[in-house]
């Protein structure tokens, strides 16, 4: 009898653990968070309105990293936005961003960093997955500007990990890629039970390649940045593998309409940053997402 009771208890505990592991991460859009939300340890992703370019800010545990930067024409407005968010150096009025990360060396992702540094922005580190010998004019121009100003450069290794506050970041890209889009560095961000997949401009071939190259759990995420500004429809198997609850695009709805239809047919919510800044916050258990219309 004791043995049966012991087995029953073990079975109940296993069921309980299994049900907890299957707990659904909730995504709240334009809903008011709990009263103590601001007091919790949060991961925040800010998607700036720099259509049709990429410029995002990750914040967690008092640490910050900017992911891509748009073209040079957005440099001044991004500087102002960052100052308003608390990244201004009161001594000289310039921006200080601790970490700059570029997914791939195209002007709509990298040129803004180059211009902001020329404008006086300081940083502790520039991160890229492209070697310093990679033959790309934008890459070489940016690295020359950074090294000339004494900015440390870190070239990522495939599958490298780092932490940002309490969040864990993993960087990977398709081994078979040739051009910068195909080689776009994909970033998986984990915080508690929640996750984000930032895809840079990983086009269809890269999506197919990643499906074969990386473990399925590296792709699955609550939040997905639509690859390549939604110019092309996502590979269905890739979208199935990610199985996101919310997808955002850095393009206008005119170009993102097909992706929106695809995503909503999949059962996920969709938004573009063309309407205004998107802010996504999580305490590691659930998401609160809102958009400020018109705000960069």
Protein backbone atom coordinates (compact mmCIF):
# COMPACT_ATOMS: atom_id res chain seq x y z
CA UNK A 1 0.00 0.00 0.00
CA UNK A 2 2.81 2.41 0.91
CA UNK A 3 4.48 1.67 -2.41
CA UNK A 4 1.23 2.45 -4.28
CA UNK A 5 0.79 5.73 -2.38
CA UNK A 6 4.39 6.67 -3.17
CA UNK A 7 3.87 5.96 -6.88
CA UNK A 8 0.65 7.98 -6.86
CA UNK A 9 2.39 10.97 -5.26
CA UNK A 10 5.20 10.79 -7.83
CA UNK A 11 2.66 10.63 -10.64
CA UNK A 12 0.81 13.67 -9.26
CA UNK A 13 4.05 15.60 -8.95
CA UNK A 14 4.98 14.75 -12.54
CA UNK A 15 1.56 15.91 -13.74
CA UNK A 16 1.94 19.14 -11.79
CA UNK A 17 5.40 19.80 -13.27
CA UNK A 18 4.12 19.01 -16.74
CA UNK A 19 1.17 21.39 -16.39
CA UNK A 20 3.46 24.16 -15.12
CA UNK A 21 5.81 23.65 -18.08
CA UNK A 22 2.84 24.03 -20.40
CA UNK A 23 1.71 27.27 -18.75
CA UNK A 24 0.77 29.68 -21.51
CA UNK A 25 2.66 32.96 -21.73
CA UNK A 26 0.01 35.66 -22.02
CA UNK A 27 0.40 38.67 -24.31
CA UNK A 28 -1.61 41.78 -23.39
CA UNK A 29 -1.88 44.47 -26.05
CA UNK A 30 -2.84 48.02 -25.06
CA UNK A 31 -3.86 46.81 -21.60
CA UNK A 32 -2.96 48.44 -18.28
CA UNK A 33 -0.32 46.37 -16.42
CA UNK A 34 -0.61 45.56 -12.69
CA UNK A 35 -0.05 48.41 -10.24
CA UNK A 36 3.36 47.05 -9.19
CA UNK A 37 4.53 46.44 -12.77
CA UNK A 38 7.17 49.20 -12.79
CA UNK A 39 8.64 47.82 -9.57
CA UNK A 40 9.26 44.36 -11.08
CA UNK A 41 12.42 43.23 -12.80
CA UNK A 42 11.52 43.74 -16.46
CA UNK A 43 12.89 43.08 -19.92
CA UNK A 44 11.92 45.84 -22.33
CA UNK A 45 12.21 46.00 -26.11
CA UNK A 46 11.62 49.37 -27.76
CA UNK A 47 11.06 49.37 -31.52
CA UNK A 48 11.66 52.84 -32.92
CA UNK A 49 9.66 54.34 -35.77
CA UNK A 50 12.38 54.53 -38.43
CA UNK A 51 10.42 52.94 -41.29
CA UNK A 52 11.53 51.05 -43.33
CA UNK A 53 14.73 50.51 -41.31
CA UNK A 54 15.54 48.67 -38.09
CA UNK A 55 16.44 50.39 -34.82
CA UNK A 56 15.62 48.80 -31.45
CA UNK A 57 16.64 49.09 -27.83
CA UNK A 58 16.89 46.21 -25.34
CA UNK A 59 16.84 47.04 -21.63
CA UNK A 60 17.08 44.65 -18.70
CA UNK A 61 18.37 44.91 -15.15
CA UNK A 62 19.86 48.35 -15.67
CA UNK A 63 21.79 47.25 -18.76
CA UNK A 64 21.12 48.41 -22.33
CA UNK A 65 21.95 47.40 -25.88
CA UNK A 66 20.86 49.04 -29.10
CA UNK A 67 20.10 46.61 -31.95
CA UNK A 68 20.67 48.24 -35.37
CA UNK A 69 20.24 51.93 -36.07
CA UNK A 70 18.53 52.76 -39.34
CA UNK A 71 20.13 54.96 -41.99
CA UNK A 72 22.03 58.16 -41.25
CA UNK A 73 18.94 60.32 -41.88
CA UNK A 74 17.45 59.00 -38.61
CA UNK A 75 20.56 59.71 -36.53
CA UNK A 76 19.44 63.03 -35.03
CA UNK A 77 15.90 61.93 -34.18
CA UNK A 78 17.21 58.71 -32.63
CA UNK A 79 19.70 60.71 -30.57
CA UNK A 80 16.86 62.88 -29.28
CA UNK A 81 14.75 59.81 -28.49
CA UNK A 82 17.65 58.22 -26.59
CA UNK A 83 18.27 61.43 -24.62
CA UNK A 84 14.59 61.46 -23.64
CA UNK A 85 14.98 57.86 -22.49
CA UNK A 86 17.85 58.83 -20.21
CA UNK A 87 20.93 58.15 -22.32
CA UNK A 88 22.14 61.73 -22.60
CA UNK A 89 25.53 62.70 -21.21
CA UNK A 90 24.75 65.87 -19.26
CA UNK A 91 28.40 66.99 -19.51
CA UNK A 92 28.32 67.55 -23.26
CA UNK A 93 24.77 66.77 -24.35
CA UNK A 94 25.79 63.73 -26.39
CA UNK A 95 24.28 60.26 -26.21
CA UNK A 96 25.99 57.37 -24.44
CA UNK A 97 24.75 53.88 -25.34
CA UNK A 98 26.63 51.08 -23.52
CA UNK A 99 26.42 48.46 -26.29
CA UNK A 100 25.80 48.77 -30.03
CA UNK A 101 24.91 45.58 -31.90
CA UNK A 102 24.60 45.34 -35.68
CA UNK A 103 22.85 42.36 -37.25
CA UNK A 104 24.44 42.87 -40.69
CA UNK A 105 26.26 45.65 -42.58
CA UNK A 106 23.56 47.27 -44.70
CA UNK A 107 22.93 51.01 -44.47
CA UNK A 108 19.39 50.63 -43.09
CA UNK A 109 20.82 48.75 -40.09
CA UNK A 110 24.34 50.11 -39.59
CA UNK A 111 24.66 53.59 -41.07
CA UNK A 112 22.88 55.26 -38.15
CA UNK A 113 25.50 53.97 -35.68
CA UNK A 114 28.28 55.34 -37.86
CA UNK A 115 26.57 58.75 -38.10
CA UNK A 116 25.67 58.97 -34.39
CA UNK A 117 29.27 58.19 -33.44
CA UNK A 118 30.40 60.93 -35.82
CA UNK A 119 27.90 63.23 -34.10
CA UNK A 120 29.53 62.50 -30.75
CA UNK A 121 27.72 59.46 -29.37
CA UNK A 122 29.92 57.32 -27.12
CA UNK A 123 29.71 53.59 -26.47
CA UNK A 124 31.56 50.92 -24.50
CA UNK A 125 31.35 48.21 -27.15
CA UNK A 126 30.36 47.52 -30.75
CA UNK A 127 29.22 43.96 -31.51
CA UNK A 128 28.99 42.34 -34.94
CA UNK A 129 28.98 38.82 -36.33
CA UNK A 130 30.94 39.95 -39.41
CA UNK A 131 34.72 39.76 -39.29
CA UNK A 132 36.80 42.90 -39.66
CA UNK A 133 38.04 41.55 -42.99
CA UNK A 134 34.53 41.11 -44.44
CA UNK A 135 34.48 42.91 -47.77
CA UNK A 136 31.59 45.32 -47.44
CA UNK A 137 31.92 49.08 -47.88
CA UNK A 138 29.45 49.98 -45.13
CA UNK A 139 31.17 47.59 -42.71
CA UNK A 140 34.63 48.96 -43.46
CA UNK A 141 33.45 52.57 -43.21
CA UNK A 142 31.84 51.97 -39.82
CA UNK A 143 34.75 50.01 -38.37
CA UNK A 144 37.18 52.69 -39.47
CA UNK A 145 35.09 55.30 -37.66
CA UNK A 146 34.83 53.15 -34.51
CA UNK A 147 38.48 52.13 -34.30
CA UNK A 148 39.53 55.71 -34.96
CA UNK A 149 37.61 56.71 -31.86
CA UNK A 150 38.94 53.87 -29.72
CA UNK A 151 35.64 51.97 -29.56
CA UNK A 152 36.22 48.28 -28.72
CA UNK A 153 34.88 45.87 -31.37
CA UNK A 154 33.76 42.34 -30.57
CA UNK A 155 33.22 39.84 -33.39
CA UNK A 156 30.74 37.16 -32.32
CA UNK A 157 31.33 33.46 -32.67
CA UNK A 158 28.56 31.22 -33.99
CA UNK A 159 26.10 30.35 -31.16
CA UNK A 160 27.78 32.75 -28.72
CA UNK A 161 25.82 33.72 -25.60
CA UNK A 162 25.84 36.80 -23.40
CA UNK A 163 23.69 38.25 -20.63
CA UNK A 164 21.94 41.60 -20.44
CA UNK A 165 20.75 42.06 -16.89
CA UNK A 166 18.75 38.93 -16.15
CA UNK A 167 18.16 38.15 -19.84
CA UNK A 168 20.13 35.57 -21.82
CA UNK A 169 21.00 36.33 -25.44
CA UNK A 170 22.11 33.77 -28.02
CA UNK A 171 23.51 34.81 -31.42
CA UNK A 172 23.50 32.59 -34.51
CA UNK A 173 23.25 32.82 -38.29
CA UNK A 174 22.94 30.55 -41.30
CA UNK A 175 26.27 28.91 -42.04
CA UNK A 176 25.48 28.70 -45.76
CA UNK A 177 24.80 32.38 -46.30
CA UNK A 178 26.65 34.52 -48.82
CA UNK A 179 25.35 38.09 -48.87
CA UNK A 180 24.74 40.18 -45.71
CA UNK A 181 20.99 39.43 -45.63
CA UNK A 182 21.53 35.68 -45.77
CA UNK A 183 24.19 36.05 -43.07
CA UNK A 184 22.03 38.24 -40.81
CA UNK A 185 22.72 37.52 -37.17
CA UNK A 186 19.61 36.19 -35.42
CA UNK A 187 19.26 36.95 -31.71
CA UNK A 188 17.20 34.87 -29.31
CA UNK A 189 16.42 36.71 -26.07
CA UNK A 190 15.18 34.71 -23.06
CA UNK A 191 13.90 36.19 -19.83
CA UNK A 192 12.16 33.89 -17.37
CA UNK A 193 9.59 31.93 -19.37
CA UNK A 194 9.37 34.57 -22.13
CA UNK A 195 11.35 34.95 -25.33
CA UNK A 196 12.02 37.14 -28.38
CA UNK A 197 13.47 36.25 -31.78
CA UNK A 198 15.10 39.15 -33.64
CA UNK A 199 15.83 38.07 -37.21
CA UNK A 200 17.59 40.99 -38.90
CA UNK A 201 17.07 40.54 -42.64
CA UNK A 202 17.21 36.73 -42.66
CA UNK A 203 15.59 36.08 -46.05
CA UNK A 204 13.86 32.87 -47.17
CA UNK A 205 17.04 30.91 -47.89
CA UNK A 206 18.38 31.77 -44.44
CA UNK A 207 15.11 30.76 -42.81
CA UNK A 208 15.24 27.38 -44.57
CA UNK A 209 18.89 27.02 -43.55
CA UNK A 210 18.24 27.83 -39.90
CA UNK A 211 15.45 25.25 -39.75
CA UNK A 212 18.03 22.61 -40.64
CA UNK A 213 20.93 24.07 -38.68
CA UNK A 214 19.72 24.96 -35.18
CA UNK A 215 17.69 23.13 -32.53
CA UNK A 216 13.95 23.78 -32.75
CA UNK A 217 13.89 25.33 -29.27
CA UNK A 218 16.23 28.13 -30.42
CA UNK A 219 13.60 29.35 -32.88
CA UNK A 220 10.44 29.09 -30.78
CA UNK A 221 9.55 32.49 -29.28
CA UNK A 222 6.63 34.58 -28.03
CA UNK A 223 7.71 37.69 -29.97
CA UNK A 224 9.07 37.72 -33.52
CA UNK A 225 10.54 40.52 -35.59
CA UNK A 226 9.32 39.94 -39.12
CA UNK A 227 12.43 39.18 -41.22
CA UNK A 228 13.64 41.58 -43.91
CA UNK A 229 11.07 44.29 -43.18
CA UNK A 230 8.23 42.03 -44.40
CA UNK A 231 9.21 42.56 -48.02
CA UNK A 232 8.72 38.85 -48.60
CA UNK A 233 6.41 36.33 -46.98
CA UNK A 234 7.98 34.24 -44.26
CA UNK A 235 8.77 30.61 -44.93
CA UNK A 236 5.74 28.76 -43.54
CA UNK A 237 7.82 26.14 -41.72
CA UNK A 238 9.88 28.92 -40.14
CA UNK A 239 6.77 30.70 -38.87
CA UNK A 240 5.43 27.37 -37.60
CA UNK A 241 8.72 26.71 -35.79
CA UNK A 242 8.72 30.11 -34.08
CA UNK A 243 4.98 29.92 -33.35
CA UNK A 244 4.87 33.52 -32.08
CA UNK A 245 2.04 35.25 -30.25
CA UNK A 246 3.01 38.71 -31.52
CA UNK A 247 4.90 39.75 -34.66
CA UNK A 248 6.10 43.25 -35.49
CA UNK A 249 7.44 44.68 -38.72
CA UNK A 250 9.63 47.71 -39.38
CA UNK A 251 7.83 48.57 -42.60
CA UNK A 252 4.62 50.26 -43.68
CA UNK A 253 1.46 48.21 -43.86
CA UNK A 254 1.52 48.65 -47.64
CA UNK A 255 4.54 46.34 -47.82
CA UNK A 256 3.66 44.28 -44.75
CA UNK A 257 0.04 43.50 -45.64
CA UNK A 258 0.78 39.99 -46.93
CA UNK A 259 2.84 39.20 -43.83
CA UNK A 260 0.05 40.52 -41.62
CA UNK A 261 -2.44 38.20 -43.33
CA UNK A 262 -0.03 35.29 -42.95
CA UNK A 263 0.64 36.01 -39.27
CA UNK A 264 -3.00 36.55 -38.32
CA UNK A 265 -3.98 33.33 -40.11
CA UNK A 266 -1.45 31.69 -37.84
CA UNK A 267 -3.32 33.07 -34.82
CA UNK A 268 -0.81 35.75 -33.80
CA UNK A 269 -1.21 39.52 -33.41
CA UNK A 270 0.62 41.89 -35.77
CA UNK A 271 1.76 45.51 -35.80
CA UNK A 272 4.14 47.75 -37.73
CA UNK A 273 6.35 50.46 -36.29
CA UNK A 274 5.26 52.77 -39.11
CA UNK A 275 2.42 53.96 -36.88
CA UNK A 276 4.70 54.78 -33.97
CA UNK A 277 7.08 53.37 -31.38
CA UNK A 278 6.26 49.88 -30.12
CA UNK A 279 7.14 49.04 -26.51
CA UNK A 280 7.15 45.42 -25.33
CA UNK A 281 7.66 44.64 -21.64
CA UNK A 282 7.79 41.36 -19.73
CA UNK A 283 8.42 40.26 -16.16
CA UNK A 284 9.38 36.82 -17.42
CA UNK A 285 5.84 35.50 -17.16
CA UNK A 286 3.64 37.66 -19.37
CA UNK A 287 3.89 40.48 -21.92
CA UNK A 288 2.40 43.96 -21.97
CA UNK A 289 2.68 45.65 -25.37
CA UNK A 290 1.63 49.13 -26.41
CA UNK A 291 2.24 51.52 -29.27
CA UNK A 292 2.61 55.29 -29.13
CA UNK A 293 1.26 56.66 -32.38
CA UNK A 294 3.56 59.02 -34.20
CA UNK A 295 6.37 58.81 -31.66
CA UNK A 296 9.75 57.80 -32.99
